[in-house]
Protein backbone atom coordinates (compact mmCIF):
# COMPACT_ATOMS: atom_id res chain seq x y z
CA MET A 1 -0.32 0.69 -0.36
CA ASN A 2 1.09 3.04 -0.89
CA ILE A 3 0.98 6.24 1.46
CA GLN A 4 -1.97 8.38 -0.99
CA ALA A 5 -3.91 5.22 -0.40
CA ILE A 6 -3.53 5.00 3.03
CA LEU A 7 -3.49 9.32 3.98
CA ILE A 8 -7.43 8.48 1.73
CA ILE A 9 -8.27 5.65 4.65
CA VAL A 10 -7.23 7.85 7.34
CA ILE A 11 -9.29 10.56 6.54
CA PHE A 12 -12.41 8.78 5.36
CA ILE A 13 -12.14 6.96 8.49
CA ALA A 14 -11.89 10.15 10.07
CA ALA A 15 -15.15 11.80 8.26
CA VAL A 16 -17.52 8.45 9.23
CA TYR A 17 -16.58 9.09 12.29
CA TYR A 18 -17.10 12.54 12.19
CA VAL A 19 -20.56 11.94 10.72
CA GLY A 20 -21.36 9.71 12.69
CA ARG A 21 -20.51 11.73 15.92
CA ILE A 22 -23.04 13.92 14.91
CA ILE A 23 -25.97 11.90 13.98
CA TYR A 24 -24.91 10.53 18.16
CA LYS A 25 -25.55 13.94 19.32
CA SER A 26 -28.17 14.55 17.34
CA ILE A 27 -30.01 10.87 18.20
CA PHE A 28 -28.81 11.00 22.09
CA ALA A 29 -29.16 14.98 22.27
CA GLN A 30 -29.73 15.77 26.43
CA LYS A 31 -32.22 18.48 26.67
CA SER A 32 -30.84 21.08 24.70
CA CYS A 33 -30.60 21.34 21.80
CA GLY A 34 -27.27 21.72 21.71
CA SER A 35 -26.30 24.98 21.58
CA ASN A 36 -25.94 28.27 22.99
CA CYS A 37 -29.56 29.42 23.47
CA LYS A 38 -30.19 27.78 26.61
CA CYS A 39 -33.42 26.40 25.67
CA GLY A 40 -32.85 23.11 28.66
CA VAL A 41 -32.17 25.38 31.01
CA ASP A 42 -34.50 24.90 33.93
CA PHE A 43 -36.23 28.36 34.95
CA THR A 44 -38.07 27.19 37.67
CA THR A 45 -35.99 27.41 40.72
CA ILE A 46 -34.89 31.34 40.11
CA ALA A 47 -36.26 33.51 42.19
CA PRO A 48 -37.25 37.26 39.48
CA ASP A 49 -35.69 40.24 41.23
CA LYS A 50 -37.44 42.98 38.06
CA GLN A 51 -41.70 43.24 38.54
CA SER A 52 -43.05 43.95 35.12
CA ARG A 53 -44.55 47.22 34.93
């Protein structure tokens, strides 16, 4: 096997791992969506500081 074939195989395995990890995280996600939007945060235990007018 030459170096080019080995390099292609390594890149292919890395790409399969990357796509598999993305699919796994999307299927078995926690309560939140995984981004920084705080959609899975439970705010029920936090007391509000200000009252609305």
